[in-house]
């Protein structure tokens, strides 16, 4: 659990990078635990201006299998033409 927390801290910095490729890498490397904190970061990334980043965040949210992720994913699906 401590290792997951350290990985989350390390990779969460990349989520705020100005480079979309760096944000994509950070999303891919995020751990799946702690679910609430990871989900919060990923839900925020659903608003990214780049479609690839939003898609990666949505995929990772789905992998978390948390009920908390359903509403943000549905909202993205209904508004997929806008960030």
C-alpha atoms as a PDB file:
ATOM      1  CA  UNK A   1       0.000   0.000   0.000  1.00  0.00           C
ATOM      2  CA  UNK A   2       2.829   2.400   0.834  1.00  0.00           C
ATOM      3  CA  UNK A   3       4.459   1.618  -2.508  1.00  0.00           C
ATOM      4  CA  UNK A   4       1.204   2.423  -4.331  1.00  0.00           C
ATOM      5  CA  UNK A   5       0.986   5.734  -2.475  1.00  0.00           C
ATOM      6  CA  UNK A   6       4.540   6.609  -3.500  1.00  0.00           C
ATOM      7  CA  UNK A   7       3.861   5.660  -7.118  1.00  0.00           C
ATOM      8  CA  UNK A   8       0.721   7.795  -7.102  1.00  0.00           C
ATOM      9  CA  UNK A   9       2.622  10.783  -5.734  1.00  0.00           C
ATOM     10  CA  UNK A  10       5.456  10.316  -8.254  1.00  0.00           C
ATOM     11  CA  UNK A  11       3.245   9.986 -11.342  1.00  0.00           C
ATOM     12  CA  UNK A  12       0.567  12.492 -10.361  1.00  0.00           C
ATOM     13  CA  UNK A  13       3.032  15.305 -11.067  1.00  0.00           C
ATOM     14  CA  UNK A  14       3.042  14.306 -14.747  1.00  0.00           C
ATOM     15  CA  UNK A  15      -0.724  14.716 -14.939  1.00  0.00           C
ATOM     16  CA  UNK A  16      -0.243  18.489 -14.805  1.00  0.00           C
ATOM     17  CA  UNK A  17       2.455  18.625 -17.472  1.00  0.00           C
ATOM     18  CA  UNK A  18       2.009  21.004 -20.386  1.00  0.00           C
ATOM     19  CA  UNK A  19       2.923  18.157 -22.748  1.00  0.00           C
ATOM     20  CA  UNK A  20       0.054  15.793 -23.667  1.00  0.00           C
ATOM     21  CA  UNK A  21       2.514  12.921 -24.184  1.00  0.00           C
ATOM     22  CA  UNK A  22       3.750  13.328 -20.608  1.00  0.00           C
ATOM     23  CA  UNK A  23       0.173  13.353 -19.288  1.00  0.00           C
ATOM     24  CA  UNK A  24      -0.534  10.133 -21.227  1.00  0.00           C
ATOM     25  CA  UNK A  25       2.528   8.464 -19.716  1.00  0.00           C
ATOM     26  CA  UNK A  26       1.507   9.546 -16.236  1.00  0.00           C
ATOM     27  CA  UNK A  27      -1.995   8.110 -16.680  1.00  0.00           C
ATOM     28  CA  UNK A  28      -0.617   4.788 -17.899  1.00  0.00           C
ATOM     29  CA  UNK A  29       1.732   4.499 -14.912  1.00  0.00           C
ATOM     30  CA  UNK A  30      -0.762   5.405 -12.189  1.00  0.00           C
ATOM     31  CA  UNK A  31      -1.358   2.580  -9.715  1.00  0.00           C
ATOM     32  CA  UNK A  32      -4.893   1.250  -9.210  1.00  0.00           C
ATOM     33  CA  UNK A  33      -4.802   1.951  -5.481  1.00  0.00           C
ATOM     34  CA  UNK A  34      -5.743   3.985  -3.498  1.00  0.00           C
ATOM     35  CA  UNK A  35      -8.860   3.960  -5.683  1.00  0.00           C
ATOM     36  CA  UNK A  36     -10.425   7.177  -4.365  1.00  0.00           C
ATOM     37  CA  UNK A  37      -7.292   9.266  -4.932  1.00  0.00           C
ATOM     38  CA  UNK A  38      -6.491   7.711  -8.308  1.00  0.00           C
ATOM     39  CA  UNK A  39     -10.097   8.149  -9.446  1.00  0.00           C
ATOM     40  CA  UNK A  40     -10.026  11.818  -8.429  1.00  0.00           C
ATOM     41  CA  UNK A  41      -6.956  12.448 -10.584  1.00  0.00           C
ATOM     42  CA  UNK A  42      -8.445  10.559 -13.525  1.00  0.00           C
ATOM     43  CA  UNK A  43     -11.847  12.246 -13.301  1.00  0.00           C
ATOM     44  CA  UNK A  44     -10.026  15.576 -13.515  1.00  0.00           C
ATOM     45  CA  UNK A  45      -8.206  14.317 -16.629  1.00  0.00           C
ATOM     46  CA  UNK A  46     -11.546  13.669 -18.369  1.00  0.00           C
ATOM     47  CA  UNK A  47     -11.609  17.447 -18.925  1.00  0.00           C
ATOM     48  CA  UNK A  48      -8.270  17.481 -20.764  1.00  0.00           C
ATOM     49  CA  UNK A  49      -8.305  19.353 -24.092  1.00  0.00           C
ATOM     50  CA  UNK A  50      -6.656  16.400 -25.872  1.00  0.00           C
ATOM     51  CA  UNK A  51      -8.880  13.499 -26.885  1.00  0.00           C
ATOM     52  CA  UNK A  52      -6.097  10.946 -26.429  1.00  0.00           C
ATOM     53  CA  UNK A  53      -5.584  12.011 -22.826  1.00  0.00           C
ATOM     54  CA  UNK A  54      -9.329  11.875 -22.110  1.00  0.00           C
ATOM     55  CA  UNK A  55      -9.520   8.394 -23.679  1.00  0.00           C
ATOM     56  CA  UNK A  56      -6.588   7.128 -21.600  1.00  0.00           C
ATOM     57  CA  UNK A  57      -8.144   8.541 -18.420  1.00  0.00           C
ATOM     58  CA  UNK A  58     -11.500   6.925 -19.269  1.00  0.00           C
ATOM     59  CA  UNK A  59      -9.839   3.567 -19.911  1.00  0.00           C
ATOM     60  CA  UNK A  60      -7.940   3.687 -16.624  1.00  0.00           C
ATOM     61  CA  UNK A  61     -11.127   4.694 -14.769  1.00  0.00           C
ATOM     62  CA  UNK A  62     -12.871   1.651 -16.226  1.00  0.00           C
ATOM     63  CA  UNK A  63     -10.023  -0.555 -15.021  1.00  0.00           C
ATOM     64  CA  UNK A  64     -10.564   0.690 -11.453  1.00  0.00           C
ATOM     65  CA  UNK A  65     -14.040  -0.906 -11.472  1.00  0.00           C
ATOM     66  CA  UNK A  66     -15.289   1.555  -8.889  1.00  0.00           C
ATOM     67  CA  UNK A  67     -18.950   2.650  -8.800  1.00  0.00           C
ATOM     68  CA  UNK A  68     -17.666   6.180  -8.167  1.00  0.00           C
ATOM     69  CA  UNK A  69     -16.317   6.252 -11.752  1.00  0.00           C
ATOM     70  CA  UNK A  70     -19.604   5.518 -13.530  1.00  0.00           C
ATOM     71  CA  UNK A  71     -21.182   9.001 -13.522  1.00  0.00           C
ATOM     72  CA  UNK A  72     -18.075  10.813 -14.873  1.00  0.00           C
ATOM     73  CA  UNK A  73     -17.685   8.209 -17.617  1.00  0.00           C
ATOM     74  CA  UNK A  74     -21.343   8.495 -18.640  1.00  0.00           C
ATOM     75  CA  UNK A  75     -21.028  12.286 -18.702  1.00  0.00           C
ATOM     76  CA  UNK A  76     -17.971  12.011 -20.958  1.00  0.00           C
ATOM     77  CA  UNK A  77     -19.781   9.584 -23.243  1.00  0.00           C
ATOM     78  CA  UNK A  78     -22.746  11.920 -23.624  1.00  0.00           C
ATOM     79  CA  UNK A  79     -20.471  14.889 -24.300  1.00  0.00           C
ATOM     80  CA  UNK A  80     -17.623  13.184 -26.156  1.00  0.00           C
ATOM     81  CA  UNK A  81     -17.303  16.010 -28.664  1.00  0.00           C
ATOM     82  CA  UNK A  82     -16.363  18.458 -25.885  1.00  0.00           C
ATOM     83  CA  UNK A  83     -13.795  18.220 -23.080  1.00  0.00           C
END
